Amino acid sequence: KTPLIWINVIGIFLIHLTALIGFITFPYL
C-alpha cells in the first residue's frame, strides 16, 4: 500500500480542475 502525499493529490486535482474550467469556458473565437 502506497502512502499518498496529500498536498500533491490536492494540488494536482485543483490545477486540473482549473484548467478544465478554462478549456470549457475560453472564448476561442
All heavy atoms as atom14 arrays in JSON, in Angstrom:
{
  "sequence": "KTPLIWINVIGIFLIHLTALIGFITFPYL",
  "atom14_mask": [
    [1, 1, 1, 1, 1, 1, 1, 1, 1, 0, 0, 0, 0, 0],
    [1, 1, 1, 1, 1, 1, 1, 0, 0, 0, 0, 0, 0, 0],
    [1, 1, 1, 1, 1, 1, 1, 0, 0, 0, 0, 0, 0, 0],
    [1, 1, 1, 1, 1, 1, 1, 1, 0, 0, 0, 0, 0, 0],
    [1, 1, 1, 1, 1, 1, 1, 1, 0, 0, 0, 0, 0, 0],
    [1, 1, 1, 1, 1, 1, 1, 1, 1, 1, 1, 1, 1, 1],
    [1, 1, 1, 1, 1, 1, 1, 1, 0, 0, 0, 0, 0, 0],
    [1, 1, 1, 1, 1, 1, 1, 1, 0, 0, 0, 0, 0, 0],
    [1, 1, 1, 1, 1, 1, 1, 0, 0, 0, 0, 0, 0, 0],
    [1, 1, 1, 1, 1, 1, 1, 1, 0, 0, 0, 0, 0, 0],
    [1, 1, 1, 1, 0, 0, 0, 0, 0, 0, 0, 0, 0, 0],
    [1, 1, 1, 1, 1, 1, 1, 1, 0, 0, 0, 0, 0, 0],
    [1, 1, 1, 1, 1, 1, 1, 1, 1, 1, 1, 0, 0, 0],
    [1, 1, 1, 1, 1, 1, 1, 1, 0, 0, 0, 0, 0, 0],
    [1, 1, 1, 1, 1, 1, 1, 1, 0, 0, 0, 0, 0, 0],
    [1, 1, 1, 1, 1, 1, 1, 1, 1, 1, 0, 0, 0, 0],
    [1, 1, 1, 1, 1, 1, 1, 1, 0, 0, 0, 0, 0, 0],
    [1, 1, 1, 1, 1, 1, 1, 0, 0, 0, 0, 0, 0, 0],
    [1, 1, 1, 1, 1, 0, 0, 0, 0, 0, 0, 0, 0, 0],
    [1, 1, 1, 1, 1, 1, 1, 1, 0, 0, 0, 0, 0, 0],
    [1, 1, 1, 1, 1, 1, 1, 1, 0, 0, 0, 0, 0, 0],
    [1, 1, 1, 1, 0, 0, 0, 0, 0, 0, 0, 0, 0, 0],
    [1, 1, 1, 1, 1, 1, 1, 1, 1, 1, 1, 0, 0, 0],
    [1, 1, 1, 1, 1, 1, 1, 1, 0, 0, 0, 0, 0, 0],
    [1, 1, 1, 1, 1, 1, 1, 0, 0, 0, 0, 0, 0, 0],
    [1, 1, 1, 1, 1, 1, 1, 1, 1, 1, 1, 0, 0, 0],
    [1, 1, 1, 1, 1, 1, 1, 0, 0, 0, 0, 0, 0, 0],
    [1, 1, 1, 1, 1, 1, 1, 1, 1, 1, 1, 1, 0, 0],
    [1, 1, 1, 1, 1, 1, 1, 1, 0, 0, 0, 0, 0, 0]
  ],
  "atom14_positions": [
    [[0.85, -1.18, 0.0], [0.0, 0.0, 0.0], [0.89, 1.23, 0.0], [1.77, 1.37, 0.85], [-0.92, 0.0, 1.23], [-1.95, -1.11, 1.21], [-2.88, -1.01, 2.41], [-3.93, -2.12, 2.36], [-4.86, -2.05, 3.53], [0.0, 0.0, 0.0], [0.0, 0.0, 0.0], [0.0, 0.0, 0.0], [0.0, 0.0, 0.0], [0.0, 0.0, 0.0]],
    [[0.64, 2.11, -0.95], [1.47, 3.29, -1.11], [0.89, 4.48, -0.36], [-0.24, 4.88, -0.65], [1.61, 3.66, -2.61], [1.97, 2.49, -3.33], [2.65, 4.72, -2.8], [0.0, 0.0, 0.0], [0.0, 0.0, 0.0], [0.0, 0.0, 0.0], [0.0, 0.0, 0.0], [0.0, 0.0, 0.0], [0.0, 0.0, 0.0], [0.0, 0.0, 0.0]],
    [[1.62, 5.08, 0.57], [1.11, 6.27, 1.27], [0.97, 7.45, 0.3], [1.88, 7.74, -0.48], [2.2, 6.55, 2.32], [3.0, 5.29, 2.42], [2.92, 4.65, 1.07], [0.0, 0.0, 0.0], [0.0, 0.0, 0.0], [0.0, 0.0, 0.0], [0.0, 0.0, 0.0], [0.0, 0.0, 0.0], [0.0, 0.0, 0.0], [0.0, 0.0, 0.0]],
    [[-0.17, 8.09, 0.34], [-0.41, 9.24, -0.52], [0.27, 10.48, 0.05], [0.41, 10.64, 1.25], [-1.91, 9.5, -0.66], [-2.73, 8.41, -1.35], [-4.2, 8.78, -1.32], [-2.27, 8.18, -2.77], [0.0, 0.0, 0.0], [0.0, 0.0, 0.0], [0.0, 0.0, 0.0], [0.0, 0.0, 0.0], [0.0, 0.0, 0.0], [0.0, 0.0, 0.0]],
    [[0.68, 11.37, -0.86], [1.19, 12.69, -0.47], [0.05, 13.65, -0.73], [-0.17, 14.11, -1.85], [2.44, 13.07, -1.3], [3.51, 11.99, -1.17], [2.98, 14.43, -0.85], [4.72, 12.21, -2.05], [0.0, 0.0, 0.0], [0.0, 0.0, 0.0], [0.0, 0.0, 0.0], [0.0, 0.0, 0.0], [0.0, 0.0, 0.0], [0.0, 0.0, 0.0]],
    [[-0.72, 13.95, 0.31], [-1.99, 14.65, 0.13], [-1.86, 16.04, -0.45], [-2.73, 16.49, -1.2], [-2.76, 14.67, 1.45], [-3.43, 13.36, 1.7], [-3.06, 12.39, 2.57], [-4.58, 12.86, 1.0], [-3.89, 11.3, 2.48], [-4.85, 11.55, 1.52], [-5.41, 13.35, 0.0], [-5.9, 10.77, 1.08], [-6.46, 12.57, -0.45], [-6.7, 11.3, 0.09]],
    [[-0.78, 16.72, -0.14], [-0.61, 18.06, -0.73], [-0.46, 17.98, -2.24], [-0.94, 18.83, -2.99], [0.6, 18.79, -0.08], [0.6, 20.26, -0.52], [1.91, 18.1, -0.41], [1.61, 21.11, 0.22], [0.0, 0.0, 0.0], [0.0, 0.0, 0.0], [0.0, 0.0, 0.0], [0.0, 0.0, 0.0], [0.0, 0.0, 0.0], [0.0, 0.0, 0.0]],
    [[0.2, 16.9, -2.72], [0.32, 16.69, -4.17], [-1.02, 16.3, -4.78], [-1.39, 16.77, -5.86], [1.35, 15.6, -4.46], [2.77, 16.06, -4.2], [2.99, 17.12, -3.62], [3.74, 15.26, -4.6], [0.0, 0.0, 0.0], [0.0, 0.0, 0.0], [0.0, 0.0, 0.0], [0.0, 0.0, 0.0], [0.0, 0.0, 0.0], [0.0, 0.0, 0.0]],
    [[-1.74, 15.42, -4.09], [-3.05, 14.98, -4.58], [-3.98, 16.18, -4.76], [-4.6, 16.37, -5.81], [-3.68, 13.96, -3.62], [-5.11, 13.63, -4.05], [-2.85, 12.69, -3.56], [0.0, 0.0, 0.0], [0.0, 0.0, 0.0], [0.0, 0.0, 0.0], [0.0, 0.0, 0.0], [0.0, 0.0, 0.0], [0.0, 0.0, 0.0], [0.0, 0.0, 0.0]],
    [[-4.07, 17.0, -3.73], [-4.97, 18.16, -3.76], [-4.49, 19.17, -4.8], [-5.3, 19.71, -5.57], [-5.05, 18.81, -2.36], [-5.71, 17.83, -1.38], [-5.83, 20.11, -2.42], [-5.62, 18.26, 0.07], [0.0, 0.0, 0.0], [0.0, 0.0, 0.0], [0.0, 0.0, 0.0], [0.0, 0.0, 0.0], [0.0, 0.0, 0.0], [0.0, 0.0, 0.0]],
    [[-3.2, 19.43, -4.83], [-2.66, 20.41, -5.79], [-2.89, 20.0, -7.23], [-3.32, 20.82, -8.06], [0.0, 0.0, 0.0], [0.0, 0.0, 0.0], [0.0, 0.0, 0.0], [0.0, 0.0, 0.0], [0.0, 0.0, 0.0], [0.0, 0.0, 0.0], [0.0, 0.0, 0.0], [0.0, 0.0, 0.0], [0.0, 0.0, 0.0], [0.0, 0.0, 0.0]],
    [[-2.61, 18.73, -7.54], [-2.8, 18.24, -8.91], [-4.27, 18.26, -9.29], [-4.63, 18.64, -10.42], [-2.2, 16.83, -9.05], [-0.67, 16.9, -8.96], [-2.63, 16.19, -10.38], [0.02, 15.54, -8.89], [0.0, 0.0, 0.0], [0.0, 0.0, 0.0], [0.0, 0.0, 0.0], [0.0, 0.0, 0.0], [0.0, 0.0, 0.0], [0.0, 0.0, 0.0]],
    [[-5.14, 17.89, -8.36], [-6.58, 17.92, -8.64], [-7.06, 19.34, -8.91], [-7.77, 19.58, -9.89], [-7.35, 17.32, -7.46], [-8.84, 17.49, -7.58], [-9.58, 16.67, -8.43], [-9.51, 18.47, -6.87], [-10.96, 16.84, -8.56], [-10.88, 18.64, -6.98], [-11.61, 17.83, -7.83], [0.0, 0.0, 0.0], [0.0, 0.0, 0.0], [0.0, 0.0, 0.0]],
    [[-6.67, 20.28, -8.08], [-7.16, 21.65, -8.21], [-6.66, 22.32, -9.5], [-7.42, 23.02, -10.18], [-6.74, 22.49, -7.0], [-7.45, 22.16, -5.68], [-6.9, 23.02, -4.56], [-8.97, 22.34, -5.82], [0.0, 0.0, 0.0], [0.0, 0.0, 0.0], [0.0, 0.0, 0.0], [0.0, 0.0, 0.0], [0.0, 0.0, 0.0], [0.0, 0.0, 0.0]],
    [[-5.4, 22.09, -9.84], [-4.89, 22.74, -11.04], [-5.5, 22.12, -12.3], [-5.75, 22.81, -13.3], [-3.35, 22.7, -11.09], [-2.84, 23.79, -12.06], [-2.82, 21.32, -11.49], [-1.37, 24.05, -11.94], [0.0, 0.0, 0.0], [0.0, 0.0, 0.0], [0.0, 0.0, 0.0], [0.0, 0.0, 0.0], [0.0, 0.0, 0.0], [0.0, 0.0, 0.0]],
    [[-5.84, 20.83, -12.24], [-6.52, 20.2, -13.37], [-7.97, 20.69, -13.47], [-8.48, 20.9, -14.58], [-6.48, 18.67, -13.26], [-5.22, 18.07, -13.8], [-4.01, 18.14, -13.14], [-4.98, 17.4, -14.96], [-3.08, 17.54, -13.86], [-3.64, 17.07, -14.96], [0.0, 0.0, 0.0], [0.0, 0.0, 0.0], [0.0, 0.0, 0.0], [0.0, 0.0, 0.0]],
    [[-8.6, 20.86, -12.34], [-9.96, 21.38, -12.35], [-9.99, 22.8, -12.92], [-10.86, 23.13, -13.74], [-10.52, 21.38, -10.92], [-11.95, 21.93, -10.76], [-12.95, 21.1, -11.56], [-12.34, 21.97, -9.28], [0.0, 0.0, 0.0], [0.0, 0.0, 0.0], [0.0, 0.0, 0.0], [0.0, 0.0, 0.0], [0.0, 0.0, 0.0], [0.0, 0.0, 0.0]],
    [[-9.05, 23.63, -12.53], [-8.97, 25.0, -13.05], [-8.73, 24.99, -14.55], [-9.37, 25.75, -15.3], [-7.82, 25.76, -12.35], [-8.03, 25.74, -10.94], [-7.77, 27.2, -12.83], [0.0, 0.0, 0.0], [0.0, 0.0, 0.0], [0.0, 0.0, 0.0], [0.0, 0.0, 0.0], [0.0, 0.0, 0.0], [0.0, 0.0, 0.0], [0.0, 0.0, 0.0]],
    [[-7.83, 24.13, -15.0], [-7.54, 24.04, -16.44], [-8.77, 23.58, -17.2], [-9.06, 24.08, -18.3], [-6.38, 23.07, -16.67], [0.0, 0.0, 0.0], [0.0, 0.0, 0.0], [0.0, 0.0, 0.0], [0.0, 0.0, 0.0], [0.0, 0.0, 0.0], [0.0, 0.0, 0.0], [0.0, 0.0, 0.0], [0.0, 0.0, 0.0], [0.0, 0.0, 0.0]],
    [[-9.52, 22.61, -16.64], [-10.73, 22.12, -17.3], [-11.76, 23.24, -17.45], [-12.38, 23.38, -18.52], [-11.32, 20.96, -16.49], [-12.59, 20.32, -17.06], [-12.32, 19.72, -18.44], [-13.12, 19.25, -16.11], [0.0, 0.0, 0.0], [0.0, 0.0, 0.0], [0.0, 0.0, 0.0], [0.0, 0.0, 0.0], [0.0, 0.0, 0.0], [0.0, 0.0, 0.0]],
    [[-11.93, 24.03, -16.41], [-12.85, 25.17, -16.5], [-12.39, 26.13, -17.59], [-13.2, 26.64, -18.37], [-12.93, 25.88, -15.13], [-13.59, 24.98, -14.09], [-13.69, 27.21, -15.26], [-13.52, 25.51, -12.68], [0.0, 0.0, 0.0], [0.0, 0.0, 0.0], [0.0, 0.0, 0.0], [0.0, 0.0, 0.0], [0.0, 0.0, 0.0], [0.0, 0.0, 0.0]],
    [[-11.09, 26.35, -17.65], [-10.55, 27.23, -18.69], [-10.8, 26.71, -20.09], [-11.21, 27.45, -20.98], [0.0, 0.0, 0.0], [0.0, 0.0, 0.0], [0.0, 0.0, 0.0], [0.0, 0.0, 0.0], [0.0, 0.0, 0.0], [0.0, 0.0, 0.0], [0.0, 0.0, 0.0], [0.0, 0.0, 0.0], [0.0, 0.0, 0.0], [0.0, 0.0, 0.0]],
    [[-10.58, 25.41, -20.29], [-10.8, 24.81, -21.61], [-12.26, 24.94, -22.05], [-12.56, 25.21, -23.21], [-10.41, 23.33, -21.6], [-8.94, 23.08, -21.73], [-8.25, 22.35, -20.76], [-8.23, 23.55, -22.82], [-6.9, 22.13, -20.86], [-6.87, 23.33, -22.95], [-6.2, 22.62, -21.96], [0.0, 0.0, 0.0], [0.0, 0.0, 0.0], [0.0, 0.0, 0.0]],
    [[-13.16, 24.72, -21.11], [-14.59, 24.72, -21.44], [-15.11, 26.12, -21.69], [-15.94, 26.34, -22.59], [-15.39, 24.04, -20.3], [-15.03, 22.55, -20.22], [-16.89, 24.22, -20.52], [-15.65, 21.85, -19.03], [0.0, 0.0, 0.0], [0.0, 0.0, 0.0], [0.0, 0.0, 0.0], [0.0, 0.0, 0.0], [0.0, 0.0, 0.0], [0.0, 0.0, 0.0]],
    [[-14.64, 27.08, -20.93], [-15.22, 28.43, -20.99], [-14.43, 29.42, -21.84], [-14.93, 30.52, -22.12], [-15.35, 29.01, -19.56], [-14.03, 29.1, -18.96], [-16.25, 28.12, -18.71], [0.0, 0.0, 0.0], [0.0, 0.0, 0.0], [0.0, 0.0, 0.0], [0.0, 0.0, 0.0], [0.0, 0.0, 0.0], [0.0, 0.0, 0.0], [0.0, 0.0, 0.0]],
    [[-13.23, 29.06, -22.27], [-12.4, 30.02, -23.01], [-13.06, 30.43, -24.33], [-13.44, 29.57, -25.13], [-11.02, 29.42, -23.31], [-10.05, 30.39, -23.93], [-9.38, 31.29, -23.13], [-9.82, 30.41, -25.3], [-8.47, 32.19, -23.67], [-8.92, 31.3, -25.86], [-8.24, 32.19, -25.05], [0.0, 0.0, 0.0], [0.0, 0.0, 0.0], [0.0, 0.0, 0.0]],
    [[-13.21, 31.73, -24.59], [-13.83, 32.21, -25.84], [-12.82, 32.22, -26.98], [-12.24, 33.24, -27.33], [-14.28, 33.62, -25.47], [-13.35, 34.05, -24.39], [-12.95, 32.82, -23.64], [0.0, 0.0, 0.0], [0.0, 0.0, 0.0], [0.0, 0.0, 0.0], [0.0, 0.0, 0.0], [0.0, 0.0, 0.0], [0.0, 0.0, 0.0], [0.0, 0.0, 0.0]],
    [[-12.59, 31.06, -27.57], [-11.54, 30.88, -28.56], [-11.65, 31.85, -29.74], [-10.65, 32.4, -30.19], [-11.55, 29.44, -29.07], [-11.22, 28.41, -28.02], [-12.24, 27.78, -27.28], [-9.91, 28.04, -27.75], [-11.94, 26.84, -26.31], [-9.61, 27.1, -26.78], [-10.63, 26.5, -26.06], [-10.33, 25.58, -25.1], [0.0, 0.0, 0.0], [0.0, 0.0, 0.0]],
    [[-12.86, 32.08, -30.23], [-13.03, 32.91, -31.42], [-12.7, 34.38, -31.17], [-12.33, 35.1, -32.1], [-14.47, 32.79, -31.93], [-14.88, 31.41, -32.46], [-16.34, 31.42, -32.88], [-13.99, 30.99, -33.63], [0.0, 0.0, 0.0], [0.0, 0.0, 0.0], [0.0, 0.0, 0.0], [0.0, 0.0, 0.0], [0.0, 0.0, 0.0], [0.0, 0.0, 0.0]]
  ]
}
